[in-house]
PDB file of N, CA and C in Angstrom:
ATOM      1  N   MET A   1      31.939  76.351  33.097  1.00  0.00           N
ATOM      2  CA  MET A   1      32.285  75.701  31.857  1.00  0.00           C
ATOM      3  C   MET A   1      31.324  76.180  30.775  1.00  0.00           C
ATOM      4  N   LEU A   2      31.849  76.587  29.654  1.00  0.00           N
ATOM      5  CA  LEU A   2      31.051  77.067  28.537  1.00  0.00           C
ATOM      6  C   LEU A   2      30.717  75.902  27.614  1.00  0.00           C
ATOM      7  N   ARG A   3      29.421  75.723  27.351  1.00  0.00           N
ATOM      8  CA  ARG A   3      28.981  74.642  26.469  1.00  0.00           C
ATOM      9  C   ARG A   3      28.284  75.245  25.264  1.00  0.00           C
ATOM     10  N   LEU A   4      28.536  74.683  24.112  1.00  0.00           N
ATOM     11  CA  LEU A   4      27.834  75.119  22.915  1.00  0.00           C
ATOM     12  C   LEU A   4      26.612  74.223  22.730  1.00  0.00           C
ATOM     13  N   TRP A   5      25.446  74.839  22.674  1.00  0.00           N
ATOM     14  CA  TRP A   5      24.204  74.085  22.535  1.00  0.00           C
ATOM     15  C   TRP A   5      23.779  74.091  21.081  1.00  0.00           C
ATOM     16  N   SER A   6      23.385  72.957  20.613  1.00  0.00           N
ATOM     17  CA  SER A   6      22.772  72.906  19.294  1.00  0.00           C
ATOM     18  C   SER A   6      21.576  71.968  19.378  1.00  0.00           C
ATOM     19  N   PHE A   7      20.401  72.548  19.376  1.00  0.00           N
ATOM     20  CA  PHE A   7      19.200  71.741  19.412  1.00  0.00           C
ATOM     21  C   PHE A   7      18.197  72.344  18.442  1.00  0.00           C
ATOM     22  N   ASP A   8      17.432  71.457  17.848  1.00  0.00           N
ATOM     23  CA  ASP A   8      16.474  71.888  16.852  1.00  0.00           C
ATOM     24  C   ASP A   8      15.067  71.622  17.374  1.00  0.00           C
ATOM     25  N   ILE A   9      14.541  72.590  18.114  1.00  0.00           N
ATOM     26  CA  ILE A   9      13.202  72.471  18.669  1.00  0.00           C
ATOM     27  C   ILE A   9      12.428  73.716  18.262  1.00  0.00           C
ATOM     28  N   SER A  10      11.235  73.504  17.750  1.00  0.00           N
ATOM     29  CA  SER A  10      10.360  74.637  17.464  1.00  0.00           C
ATOM     30  C   SER A  10       9.008  74.355  18.085  1.00  0.00           C
ATOM     31  N   LEU A  11       8.402  75.380  18.646  1.00  0.00           N
ATOM     32  CA  LEU A  11       7.110  75.251  19.303  1.00  0.00           C
ATOM     33  C   LEU A  11       6.051  75.998  18.499  1.00  0.00           C
ATOM     34  N   ASP A  12       4.840  75.483  18.521  1.00  0.00           N
ATOM     35  CA  ASP A  12       3.730  76.090  17.802  1.00  0.00           C
ATOM     36  C   ASP A  12       2.934  76.954  18.769  1.00  0.00           C
ATOM     37  N   SER A  13       3.235  78.247  18.807  1.00  0.00           N
ATOM     38  CA  SER A  13       2.551  79.152  19.740  1.00  0.00           C
ATOM     39  C   SER A  13       1.098  79.389  19.350  1.00  0.00           C
ATOM     40  N   ASP A  14       0.715  79.045  18.122  1.00  0.00           N
ATOM     41  CA  ASP A  14      -0.674  79.203  17.690  1.00  0.00           C
ATOM     42  C   ASP A  14      -1.550  78.040  18.138  1.00  0.00           C
ATOM     43  N   ASN A  15      -0.944  76.939  18.540  1.00  0.00           N
ATOM     44  CA  ASN A  15      -1.693  75.763  18.980  1.00  0.00           C
ATOM     45  C   ASN A  15      -2.226  76.009  20.386  1.00  0.00           C
ATOM     46  N   LYS A  16      -3.519  76.269  20.489  1.00  0.00           N
ATOM     47  CA  LYS A  16      -4.139  76.563  21.792  1.00  0.00           C
ATOM     48  C   LYS A  16      -4.560  75.291  22.524  1.00  0.00           C
ATOM     49  N   GLU A  17      -4.518  74.134  21.853  1.00  0.00           N
ATOM     50  CA  GLU A  17      -4.929  72.882  22.476  1.00  0.00           C
ATOM     51  C   GLU A  17      -3.838  72.294  23.362  1.00  0.00           C
ATOM     52  N   VAL A  18      -2.572  72.470  22.962  1.00  0.00           N
ATOM     53  CA  VAL A  18      -1.449  71.908  23.720  1.00  0.00           C
ATOM     54  C   VAL A  18      -0.595  73.062  24.249  1.00  0.00           C
ATOM     55  N   PRO A  19      -0.476  73.174  25.584  1.00  0.00           N
ATOM     56  CA  PRO A  19       0.335  74.253  26.149  1.00  0.00           C
ATOM     57  C   PRO A  19       1.794  74.165  25.696  1.00  0.00           C
ATOM     58  N   LEU A  20       2.477  75.309  25.680  1.00  0.00           N
ATOM     59  CA  LEU A  20       3.861  75.357  25.220  1.00  0.00           C
ATOM     60  C   LEU A  20       4.776  74.463  26.044  1.00  0.00           C
ATOM     61  N   TYR A  21       4.575  74.436  27.367  1.00  0.00           N
ATOM     62  CA  TYR A  21       5.456  73.596  28.193  1.00  0.00           C
ATOM     63  C   TYR A  21       5.284  72.125  27.821  1.00  0.00           C
ATOM     64  N   GLN A  22       4.045  71.719  27.486  1.00  0.00           N
ATOM     65  CA  GLN A  22       3.794  70.333  27.100  1.00  0.00           C
ATOM     66  C   GLN A  22       4.418  70.033  25.743  1.00  0.00           C
ATOM     67  N   GLN A  23       4.355  70.985  24.828  1.00  0.00           N
ATOM     68  CA  GLN A  23       4.995  70.807  23.522  1.00  0.00           C
ATOM     69  C   GLN A  23       6.497  70.610  23.690  1.00  0.00           C
ATOM     70  N   LEU A  24       7.105  71.453  24.541  1.00  0.00           N
ATOM     71  CA  LEU A  24       8.548  71.356  24.783  1.00  0.00           C
ATOM     72  C   LEU A  24       8.897  70.020  25.431  1.00  0.00           C
ATOM     73  N   GLU A  25       8.105  69.619  26.407  1.00  0.00           N
ATOM     74  CA  GLU A  25       8.315  68.339  27.091  1.00  0.00           C
ATOM     75  C   GLU A  25       8.247  67.181  26.092  1.00  0.00           C
ATOM     76  N   ASP A  26       7.237  67.192  25.236  1.00  0.00           N
ATOM     77  CA  ASP A  26       7.076  66.126  24.241  1.00  0.00           C
ATOM     78  C   ASP A  26       8.231  66.100  23.248  1.00  0.00           C
ATOM     79  N   LYS A  27       8.685  67.283  22.810  1.00  0.00           N
ATOM     80  CA  LYS A  27       9.783  67.339  21.829  1.00  0.00           C
ATOM     81  C   LYS A  27      11.077  66.800  22.434  1.00  0.00           C
ATOM     82  N   ILE A  28      11.335  67.124  23.696  1.00  0.00           N
ATOM     83  CA  ILE A  28      12.562  66.637  24.340  1.00  0.00           C
ATOM     84  C   ILE A  28      12.480  65.129  24.541  1.00  0.00           C
ATOM     85  N   ARG A  29      11.304  64.628  24.909  1.00  0.00           N
ATOM     86  CA  ARG A  29      11.129  63.169  25.024  1.00  0.00           C
ATOM     87  C   ARG A  29      11.421  62.498  23.687  1.00  0.00           C
ATOM     88  N   LYS A  30      10.901  63.059  22.602  1.00  0.00           N
ATOM     89  CA  LYS A  30      11.131  62.481  21.274  1.00  0.00           C
ATOM     90  C   LYS A  30      12.617  62.484  20.917  1.00  0.00           C
ATOM     91  N   LEU A  31      13.315  63.566  21.283  1.00  0.00           N
ATOM     92  CA  LEU A  31      14.752  63.634  21.014  1.00  0.00           C
ATOM     93  C   LEU A  31      15.515  62.575  21.806  1.00  0.00           C
ATOM     94  N   ILE A  32      15.052  62.298  23.021  1.00  0.00           N
ATOM     95  CA  ILE A  32      15.707  61.281  23.845  1.00  0.00           C
ATOM     96  C   ILE A  32      15.432  59.891  23.282  1.00  0.00           C
ATOM     97  N   VAL A  33      14.181  59.615  22.952  1.00  0.00           N
ATOM     98  CA  VAL A  33      13.806  58.292  22.435  1.00  0.00           C
ATOM     99  C   VAL A  33      14.468  58.018  21.089  1.00  0.00           C
ATOM    100  N   SER A  34      14.550  59.053  20.246  1.00  0.00           N
ATOM    101  CA  SER A  34      15.154  58.859  18.927  1.00  0.00           C
ATOM    102  C   SER A  34      16.676  58.719  18.994  1.00  0.00           C
ATOM    103  N   GLY A  35      17.270  59.073  20.132  1.00  0.00           N
ATOM    104  CA  GLY A  35      18.718  58.957  20.277  1.00  0.00           C
ATOM    105  C   GLY A  35      19.468  60.222  19.921  1.00  0.00           C
ATOM    106  N   THR A  36      18.736  61.275  19.544  1.00  0.00           N
ATOM    107  CA  THR A  36      19.382  62.554  19.252  1.00  0.00           C
ATOM    108  C   THR A  36      20.026  63.110  20.521  1.00  0.00           C
ATOM    109  N   LEU A  37      19.305  63.020  21.639  1.00  0.00           N
ATOM    110  CA  LEU A  37      19.871  63.357  22.946  1.00  0.00           C
ATOM    111  C   LEU A  37      20.220  62.041  23.619  1.00  0.00           C
ATOM    112  N   LYS A  38      21.472  61.871  23.962  1.00  0.00           N
ATOM    113  CA  LYS A  38      21.946  60.605  24.522  1.00  0.00           C
ATOM    114  C   LYS A  38      22.099  60.685  26.039  1.00  0.00           C
ATOM    115  N   LYS A  39      22.119  59.522  26.661  1.00  0.00           N
ATOM    116  CA  LYS A  39      22.283  59.424  28.114  1.00  0.00           C
ATOM    117  C   LYS A  39      23.504  60.222  28.559  1.00  0.00           C
ATOM    118  N   GLY A  40      23.313  61.067  29.577  1.00  0.00           N
ATOM    119  CA  GLY A  40      24.406  61.847  30.128  1.00  0.00           C
ATOM    120  C   GLY A  40      24.654  63.168  29.433  1.00  0.00           C
ATOM    121  N   GLU A  41      23.970  63.416  28.327  1.00  0.00           N
ATOM    122  CA  GLU A  41      24.168  64.665  27.590  1.00  0.00           C
ATOM    123  C   GLU A  41      23.499  65.828  28.325  1.00  0.00           C
ATOM    124  N   ALA A  42      24.176  66.958  28.367  1.00  0.00           N
ATOM    125  CA  ALA A  42      23.665  68.134  29.070  1.00  0.00           C
ATOM    126  C   ALA A  42      22.542  68.803  28.284  1.00  0.00           C
ATOM    127  N   ILE A  43      21.598  69.379  29.028  1.00  0.00           N
ATOM    128  CA  ILE A  43      20.473  70.125  28.456  1.00  0.00           C
ATOM    129  C   ILE A  43      20.768  71.611  28.653  1.00  0.00           C
ATOM    130  N   PRO A  44      20.431  72.454  27.685  1.00  0.00           N
ATOM    131  CA  PRO A  44      20.668  73.890  27.848  1.00  0.00           C
ATOM    132  C   PRO A  44      19.975  74.447  29.090  1.00  0.00           C
ATOM    133  N   GLY A  45      20.521  75.502  29.636  1.00  0.00           N
ATOM    134  CA  GLY A  45      19.923  76.168  30.781  1.00  0.00           C
ATOM    135  C   GLY A  45      18.581  76.785  30.419  1.00  0.00           C
ATOM    136  N   SER A  46      17.740  76.974  31.434  1.00  0.00           N
ATOM    137  CA  SER A  46      16.387  77.465  31.191  1.00  0.00           C
ATOM    138  C   SER A  46      16.366  78.874  30.588  1.00  0.00           C
ATOM    139  N   ARG A  47      17.274  79.721  31.007  1.00  0.00           N
ATOM    140  CA  ARG A  47      17.299  81.089  30.461  1.00  0.00           C
ATOM    141  C   ARG A  47      17.668  81.085  28.981  1.00  0.00           C
ATOM    142  N   GLU A  48      18.699  80.315  28.654  1.00  0.00           N
ATOM    143  CA  GLU A  48      19.147  80.255  27.266  1.00  0.00           C
ATOM    144  C   GLU A  48      18.093  79.598  26.373  1.00  0.00           C
ATOM    145  N   MET A  49      17.497  78.517  26.875  1.00  0.00           N
ATOM    146  CA  MET A  49      16.479  77.826  26.090  1.00  0.00           C
ATOM    147  C   MET A  49      15.257  78.727  25.880  1.00  0.00           C
ATOM    148  N   ALA A  50      14.861  79.457  26.909  1.00  0.00           N
ATOM    149  CA  ALA A  50      13.718  80.366  26.791  1.00  0.00           C
ATOM    150  C   ALA A  50      13.999  81.448  25.750  1.00  0.00           C
ATOM    151  N   LEU A  51      15.236  81.940  25.755  1.00  0.00           N
ATOM    152  CA  LEU A  51      15.620  82.964  24.779  1.00  0.00           C
ATOM    153  C   LEU A  51      15.574  82.415  23.352  1.00  0.00           C
ATOM    154  N   LYS A  52      16.139  81.228  23.149  1.00  0.00           N
ATOM    155  CA  LYS A  52      16.190  80.639  21.808  1.00  0.00           C
ATOM    156  C   LYS A  52      14.806  80.246  21.293  1.00  0.00           C
ATOM    157  N   LEU A  53      13.928  79.806  22.199  1.00  0.00           N
ATOM    158  CA  LEU A  53      12.596  79.365  21.795  1.00  0.00           C
ATOM    159  C   LEU A  53      11.574  80.500  21.817  1.00  0.00           C
ATOM    160  N   ASN A  54      11.984  81.641  22.334  1.00  0.00           N
ATOM    161  CA  ASN A  54      11.107  82.812  22.411  1.00  0.00           C
ATOM    162  C   ASN A  54       9.857  82.528  23.256  1.00  0.00           C
ATOM    163  N   VAL A  55      10.093  81.923  24.424  1.00  0.00           N
ATOM    164  CA  VAL A  55       9.023  81.659  25.385  1.00  0.00           C
ATOM    165  C   VAL A  55       9.495  82.150  26.750  1.00  0.00           C
ATOM    166  N   SER A  56       8.582  82.151  27.720  1.00  0.00           N
ATOM    167  CA  SER A  56       8.978  82.585  29.057  1.00  0.00           C
ATOM    168  C   SER A  56       9.830  81.512  29.727  1.00  0.00           C
ATOM    169  N   ARG A  57      10.634  81.926  30.657  1.00  0.00           N
ATOM    170  CA  ARG A  57      11.489  80.983  31.381  1.00  0.00           C
ATOM    171  C   ARG A  57      10.642  80.012  32.187  1.00  0.00           C
ATOM    172  N   LYS A  58       9.509  80.490  32.701  1.00  0.00           N
ATOM    173  CA  LYS A  58       8.614  79.631  33.482  1.00  0.00           C
ATOM    174  C   LYS A  58       8.103  78.456  32.637  1.00  0.00           C
ATOM    175  N   THR A  59       7.874  78.687  31.355  1.00  0.00           N
ATOM    176  CA  THR A  59       7.448  77.616  30.444  1.00  0.00           C
ATOM    177  C   THR A  59       8.523  76.536  30.383  1.00  0.00           C
ATOM    178  N   VAL A  60       9.765  76.949  30.230  1.00  0.00           N
ATOM    179  CA  VAL A  60      10.880  76.004  30.135  1.00  0.00           C
ATOM    180  C   VAL A  60      11.075  75.281  31.470  1.00  0.00           C
ATOM    181  N   VAL A  61      11.033  76.016  32.574  1.00  0.00           N
ATOM    182  CA  VAL A  61      11.236  75.417  33.899  1.00  0.00           C
ATOM    183  C   VAL A  61      10.151  74.379  34.185  1.00  0.00           C
ATOM    184  N   THR A  62       8.905  74.682  33.836  1.00  0.00           N
ATOM    185  CA  THR A  62       7.810  73.737  34.061  1.00  0.00           C
ATOM    186  C   THR A  62       8.033  72.453  33.271  1.00  0.00           C
ATOM    187  N   ALA A  63       8.409  72.577  32.011  1.00  0.00           N
ATOM    188  CA  ALA A  63       8.664  71.397  31.180  1.00  0.00           C
ATOM    189  C   ALA A  63       9.819  70.572  31.755  1.00  0.00           C
ATOM    190  N   MET A  64      10.891  71.245  32.174  1.00  0.00           N
ATOM    191  CA  MET A  64      12.056  70.541  32.709  1.00  0.00           C
ATOM    192  C   MET A  64      11.714  69.849  34.033  1.00  0.00           C
ATOM    193  N   GLU A  65      10.911  70.502  34.878  1.00  0.00           N
ATOM    194  CA  GLU A  65      10.507  69.883  36.144  1.00  0.00           C
ATOM    195  C   GLU A  65       9.717  68.609  35.894  1.00  0.00           C
ATOM    196  N   HIS A  66       8.819  68.633  34.914  1.00  0.00           N
ATOM    197  CA  HIS A  66       8.035  67.439  34.575  1.00  0.00           C
ATOM    198  C   HIS A  66       8.945  66.317  34.080  1.00  0.00           C
ATOM    199  N   LEU A  67       9.930  66.670  33.264  1.00  0.00           N
ATOM    200  CA  LEU A  67      10.851  65.662  32.725  1.00  0.00           C
ATOM    201  C   LEU A  67      11.741  65.071  33.816  1.00  0.00           C
ATOM    202  N   VAL A  68      12.143  65.891  34.763  1.00  0.00           N
ATOM    203  CA  VAL A  68      12.957  65.392  35.887  1.00  0.00           C
ATOM    204  C   VAL A  68      12.103  64.480  36.760  1.00  0.00           C
ATOM    205  N   TYR A  69      10.892  64.924  37.066  1.00  0.00           N
ATOM    206  CA  TYR A  69      10.013  64.137  37.943  1.00  0.00           C
ATOM    207  C   TYR A  69       9.689  62.779  37.328  1.00  0.00           C
ATOM    208  N   SER A  70       9.478  62.743  36.032  1.00  0.00           N
ATOM    209  CA  SER A  70       9.105  61.486  35.385  1.00  0.00           C
ATOM    210  C   SER A  70      10.317  60.618  35.026  1.00  0.00           C
ATOM    211  N   GLY A  71      11.529  61.115  35.278  1.00  0.00           N
ATOM    212  CA  GLY A  71      12.716  60.294  35.106  1.00  0.00           C
ATOM    213  C   GLY A  71      13.419  60.414  33.765  1.00  0.00           C
ATOM    214  N   TRP A  72      12.996  61.322  32.914  1.00  0.00           N
ATOM    215  CA  TRP A  72      13.634  61.497  31.599  1.00  0.00           C
ATOM    216  C   TRP A  72      14.923  62.302  31.717  1.00  0.00           C
ATOM    217  N   LEU A  73      14.971  63.224  32.665  1.00  0.00           N
ATOM    218  CA  LEU A  73      16.157  64.044  32.905  1.00  0.00           C
ATOM    219  C   LEU A  73      16.572  63.878  34.357  1.00  0.00           C
ATOM    220  N   GLU A  74      17.847  64.120  34.623  1.00  0.00           N
ATOM    221  CA  GLU A  74      18.306  64.126  36.008  1.00  0.00           C
ATOM    222  C   GLU A  74      18.958  65.468  36.305  1.00  0.00           C
ATOM    223  N   ASN A  75      18.686  65.959  37.511  1.00  0.00           N
ATOM    224  CA  ASN A  75      19.209  67.242  37.943  1.00  0.00           C
ATOM    225  C   ASN A  75      20.453  67.007  38.785  1.00  0.00           C
ATOM    226  N   ARG A  76      21.579  67.465  38.291  1.00  0.00           N
ATOM    227  CA  ARG A  76      22.823  67.383  39.057  1.00  0.00           C
ATOM    228  C   ARG A  76      23.043  68.763  39.669  1.00  0.00           C
ATOM    229  N   GLU A  77      22.906  68.798  40.973  1.00  0.00           N
ATOM    230  CA  GLU A  77      22.927  70.068  41.690  1.00  0.00           C
ATOM    231  C   GLU A  77      24.170  70.893  41.377  1.00  0.00           C
ATOM    232  N   ARG A  78      23.930  72.145  41.075  1.00  0.00           N
ATOM    233  CA  ARG A  78      24.958  73.139  40.731  1.00  0.00           C
ATOM    234  C   ARG A  78      25.690  72.853  39.423  1.00  0.00           C
ATOM    235  N   ILE A  79      25.244  71.841  38.687  1.00  0.00           N
ATOM    236  CA  ILE A  79      25.874  71.527  37.402  1.00  0.00           C
ATOM    237  C   ILE A  79      24.889  71.745  36.266  1.00  0.00           C
ATOM    238  N   GLY A  80      23.686  71.173  36.399  1.00  0.00           N
ATOM    239  CA  GLY A  80      22.675  71.345  35.368  1.00  0.00           C
ATOM    240  C   GLY A  80      21.816  70.107  35.185  1.00  0.00           C
ATOM    241  N   LEU A  81      21.057  70.104  34.098  1.00  0.00           N
ATOM    242  CA  LEU A  81      20.189  68.979  33.763  1.00  0.00           C
ATOM    243  C   LEU A  81      20.852  68.107  32.707  1.00  0.00           C
ATOM    244  N   PHE A  82      20.697  66.798  32.876  1.00  0.00           N
ATOM    245  CA  PHE A  82      21.305  65.845  31.960  1.00  0.00           C
ATOM    246  C   PHE A  82      20.281  64.769  31.604  1.00  0.00           C
ATOM    247  N   VAL A  83      20.442  64.195  30.428  1.00  0.00           N
ATOM    248  CA  VAL A  83      19.565  63.118  29.989  1.00  0.00           C
ATOM    249  C   VAL A  83      19.808  61.907  30.883  1.00  0.00           C
ATOM    250  N   ALA A  84      18.722  61.355  31.394  1.00  0.00           N
ATOM    251  CA  ALA A  84      18.806  60.202  32.293  1.00  0.00           C
ATOM    252  C   ALA A  84      18.866  58.908  31.490  1.00  0.00           C
ATOM    253  N   ASP A  85      19.139  57.834  32.187  1.00  0.00           N
ATOM    254  CA  ASP A  85      19.144  56.505  31.586  1.00  0.00           C
ATOM    255  C   ASP A  85      17.691  56.050  31.461  1.00  0.00           C
ATOM    256  N   ILE A  86      17.166  56.057  30.233  1.00  0.00           N
ATOM    257  CA  ILE A  86      15.741  55.762  30.071  1.00  0.00           C
ATOM    258  C   ILE A  86      15.414  54.286  30.256  1.00  0.00           C
ATOM    259  N   THR A  87      16.422  53.449  30.374  1.00  0.00           N
ATOM    260  CA  THR A  87      16.140  52.041  30.665  1.00  0.00           C
ATOM    261  C   THR A  87      15.656  51.866  32.100  1.00  0.00           C
ATOM    262  N   LYS A  88      15.849  52.889  32.932  1.00  0.00           N
ATOM    263  CA  LYS A  88      15.427  52.826  34.329  1.00  0.00           C
ATOM    264  C   LYS A  88      14.073  53.488  34.558  1.00  0.00           C
ATOM    265  N   LEU A  89      13.392  53.879  33.488  1.00  0.00           N
ATOM    266  CA  LEU A  89      12.081  54.513  33.628  1.00  0.00           C
ATOM    267  C   LEU A  89      11.078  53.537  34.216  1.00  0.00           C
ATOM    268  N   LYS A  90      10.099  54.110  34.937  1.00  0.00           N
ATOM    269  CA  LYS A  90       9.015  53.281  35.458  1.00  0.00           C
ATOM    270  C   LYS A  90       8.218  52.719  34.280  1.00  0.00           C
ATOM    271  N   LEU A  91       7.462  51.677  34.536  1.00  0.00           N
ATOM    272  CA  LEU A  91       6.725  50.988  33.483  1.00  0.00           C
ATOM    273  C   LEU A  91       5.833  51.931  32.691  1.00  0.00           C
ATOM    274  N   LYS A  92       5.087  52.808  33.374  1.00  0.00           N
ATOM    275  CA  LYS A  92       4.178  53.695  32.646  1.00  0.00           C
ATOM    276  C   LYS A  92       4.956  54.651  31.745  1.00  0.00           C
ATOM    277  N   ASP A  93       6.155  55.064  32.157  1.00  0.00           N
ATOM    278  CA  ASP A  93       6.962  55.942  31.323  1.00  0.00           C
ATOM    279  C   ASP A  93       7.613  55.181  30.174  1.00  0.00           C
ATOM    280  N   LYS A  94       7.899  53.892  30.369  1.00  0.00           N
ATOM    281  CA  LYS A  94       8.417  53.080  29.268  1.00  0.00           C
ATOM    282  C   LYS A  94       7.349  52.920  28.195  1.00  0.00           C
ATOM    283  N   ASP A  95       6.095  52.747  28.634  1.00  0.00           N
ATOM    284  CA  ASP A  95       4.994  52.682  27.676  1.00  0.00           C
ATOM    285  C   ASP A  95       4.896  53.987  26.904  1.00  0.00           C
ATOM    286  N   LYS A  96       5.080  55.085  27.610  1.00  0.00           N
ATOM    287  CA  LYS A  96       5.029  56.396  26.970  1.00  0.00           C
ATOM    288  C   LYS A  96       6.183  56.527  25.976  1.00  0.00           C
ATOM    289  N   ALA A  97       7.354  55.999  26.340  1.00  0.00           N
ATOM    290  CA  ALA A  97       8.506  56.046  25.431  1.00  0.00           C
ATOM    291  C   ALA A  97       8.216  55.263  24.160  1.00  0.00           C
ATOM    292  N   ALA A  98       7.579  54.109  24.317  1.00  0.00           N
ATOM    293  CA  ALA A  98       7.233  53.297  23.145  1.00  0.00           C
ATOM    294  C   ALA A  98       6.229  54.029  22.264  1.00  0.00           C
ATOM    295  N   MET A  99       5.258  54.698  22.897  1.00  0.00           N
ATOM    296  CA  MET A  99       4.266  55.450  22.122  1.00  0.00           C
ATOM    297  C   MET A  99       4.926  56.613  21.396  1.00  0.00           C
ATOM    298  N   ILE A 100       5.853  57.283  22.069  1.00  0.00           N
ATOM    299  CA  ILE A 100       6.544  58.415  21.447  1.00  0.00           C
ATOM    300  C   ILE A 100       7.365  57.932  20.262  1.00  0.00           C
ATOM    301  N   GLN A 101       8.062  56.804  20.439  1.00  0.00           N
ATOM    302  CA  GLN A 101       8.875  56.273  19.356  1.00  0.00           C
ATOM    303  C   GLN A 101       7.992  55.871  18.176  1.00  0.00           C
ATOM    304  N   ALA A 102       6.855  55.274  18.456  1.00  0.00           N
ATOM    305  CA  ALA A 102       5.940  54.876  17.384  1.00  0.00           C
ATOM    306  C   ALA A 102       5.398  56.098  16.658  1.00  0.00           C
ATOM    307  N   SER A 103       5.067  57.154  17.397  1.00  0.00           N
ATOM    308  CA  SER A 103       4.535  58.355  16.746  1.00  0.00           C
ATOM    309  C   SER A 103       5.621  59.092  15.971  1.00  0.00           C
ATOM    310  N   ALA A 104       6.863  58.990  16.435  1.00  0.00           N
ATOM    311  CA  ALA A 104       7.957  59.646  15.719  1.00  0.00           C
ATOM    312  C   ALA A 104       8.241  58.932  14.400  1.00  0.00           C
ATOM    313  N   GLN A 105       8.007  57.611  14.369  1.00  0.00           N
ATOM    314  CA  GLN A 105       8.267  56.845  13.157  1.00  0.00           C
ATOM    315  C   GLN A 105       7.101  56.896  12.180  1.00  0.00           C
ATOM    316  N   ALA A 106       5.920  57.275  12.664  1.00  0.00           N
ATOM    317  CA  ALA A 106       4.748  57.324  11.788  1.00  0.00           C
ATOM    318  C   ALA A 106       4.895  58.463  10.792  1.00  0.00           C
ATOM    319  N   ASP A 107       4.688  58.164   9.532  1.00  0.00           N
ATOM    320  CA  ASP A 107       4.850  59.178   8.497  1.00  0.00           C
ATOM    321  C   ASP A 107       3.528  59.761   8.027  1.00  0.00           C
ATOM    322  N   SER A 108       2.494  58.970   7.996  1.00  0.00           N
ATOM    323  CA  SER A 108       1.235  59.479   7.458  1.00  0.00           C
ATOM    324  C   SER A 108       0.470  60.249   8.529  1.00  0.00           C
ATOM    325  N   PRO A 109      -0.247  61.311   8.125  1.00  0.00           N
ATOM    326  CA  PRO A 109      -1.002  62.110   9.085  1.00  0.00           C
ATOM    327  C   PRO A 109      -2.056  61.296   9.834  1.00  0.00           C
ATOM    328  N   SER A 110      -2.627  60.288   9.205  1.00  0.00           N
ATOM    329  CA  SER A 110      -3.656  59.493   9.871  1.00  0.00           C
ATOM    330  C   SER A 110      -3.071  58.725  11.056  1.00  0.00           C
ATOM    331  N   GLU A 111      -1.807  58.281  10.943  1.00  0.00           N
ATOM    332  CA  GLU A 111      -1.174  57.557  12.043  1.00  0.00           C
ATOM    333  C   GLU A 111      -0.818  58.497  13.192  1.00  0.00           C
ATOM    334  N   LYS A 112      -0.514  59.749  12.901  1.00  0.00           N
ATOM    335  CA  LYS A 112      -0.127  60.695  13.940  1.00  0.00           C
ATOM    336  C   LYS A 112      -1.315  61.123  14.785  1.00  0.00           C
ATOM    337  N   ASN A 113      -2.528  61.002  14.270  1.00  0.00           N
ATOM    338  CA  ASN A 113      -3.709  61.459  14.984  1.00  0.00           C
ATOM    339  C   ASN A 113      -4.358  60.368  15.821  1.00  0.00           C
ATOM    340  N   LEU A 114      -3.665  59.255  16.033  1.00  0.00           N
ATOM    341  CA  LEU A 114      -4.221  58.181  16.836  1.00  0.00           C
ATOM    342  C   LEU A 114      -4.363  58.638  18.281  1.00  0.00           C
ATOM    343  N   SER A 115      -5.467  58.291  18.904  1.00  0.00           N
ATOM    344  CA  SER A 115      -5.680  58.602  20.311  1.00  0.00           C
ATOM    345  C   SER A 115      -5.219  57.426  21.145  1.00  0.00           C
ATOM    346  N   VAL A 116      -4.680  57.725  22.314  1.00  0.00           N
ATOM    347  CA  VAL A 116      -4.209  56.684  23.203  1.00  0.00           C
ATOM    348  C   VAL A 116      -5.032  56.748  24.476  1.00  0.00           C
ATOM    349  N   ILE A 117      -5.615  55.629  24.844  1.00  0.00           N
ATOM    350  CA  ILE A 117      -6.372  55.546  26.087  1.00  0.00           C
ATOM    351  C   ILE A 117      -5.572  54.670  27.022  1.00  0.00           C
ATOM    352  N   GLN A 118      -5.213  55.240  28.174  1.00  0.00           N
ATOM    353  CA  GLN A 118      -4.426  54.474  29.137  1.00  0.00           C
ATOM    354  C   GLN A 118      -5.365  53.973  30.228  1.00  0.00           C
ATOM    355  N   ILE A 119      -5.451  52.667  30.369  1.00  0.00           N
ATOM    356  CA  ILE A 119      -6.303  52.066  31.385  1.00  0.00           C
ATOM    357  C   ILE A 119      -5.394  51.488  32.447  1.00  0.00           C
ATOM    358  N   ASN A 120      -5.588  51.940  33.693  1.00  0.00           N
ATOM    359  CA  ASN A 120      -4.736  51.426  34.759  1.00  0.00           C
ATOM    360  C   ASN A 120      -5.573  50.617  35.739  1.00  0.00           C
ATOM    361  N   ASP A 121      -4.944  50.157  36.803  1.00  0.00           N
ATOM    362  CA  ASP A 121      -5.614  49.278  37.749  1.00  0.00           C
ATOM    363  C   ASP A 121      -6.446  50.032  38.787  1.00  0.00           C
ATOM    364  N   GLY A 122      -6.451  51.344  38.755  1.00  0.00           N
ATOM    365  CA  GLY A 122      -7.267  52.120  39.673  1.00  0.00           C
ATOM    366  C   GLY A 122      -6.571  52.500  40.968  1.00  0.00           C
ATOM    367  N   TYR A 123      -5.335  52.059  41.133  1.00  0.00           N
ATOM    368  CA  TYR A 123      -4.604  52.423  42.343  1.00  0.00           C
ATOM    369  C   TYR A 123      -3.844  53.716  42.110  1.00  0.00           C
ATOM    370  N   PRO A 124      -3.802  54.612  43.106  1.00  0.00           N
ATOM    371  CA  PRO A 124      -3.066  55.866  42.927  1.00  0.00           C
ATOM    372  C   PRO A 124      -1.554  55.621  42.902  1.00  0.00           C
ATOM    373  N   ASP A 125      -0.855  56.516  42.259  1.00  0.00           N
ATOM    374  CA  ASP A 125       0.597  56.440  42.188  1.00  0.00           C
ATOM    375  C   ASP A 125       1.149  56.775  43.577  1.00  0.00           C
ATOM    376  N   THR A 126       1.890  55.874  44.165  1.00  0.00           N
ATOM    377  CA  THR A 126       2.412  56.081  45.517  1.00  0.00           C
ATOM    378  C   THR A 126       3.440  57.194  45.589  1.00  0.00           C
ATOM    379  N   GLN A 127       4.018  57.559  44.463  1.00  0.00           N
ATOM    380  CA  GLN A 127       5.017  58.617  44.461  1.00  0.00           C
ATOM    381  C   GLN A 127       4.366  60.003  44.508  1.00  0.00           C
ATOM    382  N   LEU A 128       3.081  60.075  44.260  1.00  0.00           N
ATOM    383  CA  LEU A 128       2.393  61.360  44.327  1.00  0.00           C
ATOM    384  C   LEU A 128       2.009  61.616  45.748  1.00  0.00           C
TER     385      LEU A 128
END
């Protein structure tokens, strides 16, 4: 099935502090939280996305694997990647969704530079 992709993602290759895969992961999360990418919507293939973003395919695959593992995307075997139901995210990922939504709504540069410190109970994640 041929799908027409239209996504507006740009990565800052000059930013040495945040790896490209992390930038891509964050941008896709923001698109999901903002509602631009809706539940069940297909994500472009890794080869096509790598070509459009002018990055290596491994960069795209790494970002997509992280998003699938954390529950933002779901992998439908032999079909592709689709936006998952974010209401089913684990608590720590829901907190991350709230932070992403807050940072997406922040307009002033001072609000965008806020640091987030996550304090947990000290128990390891059983899924790891």
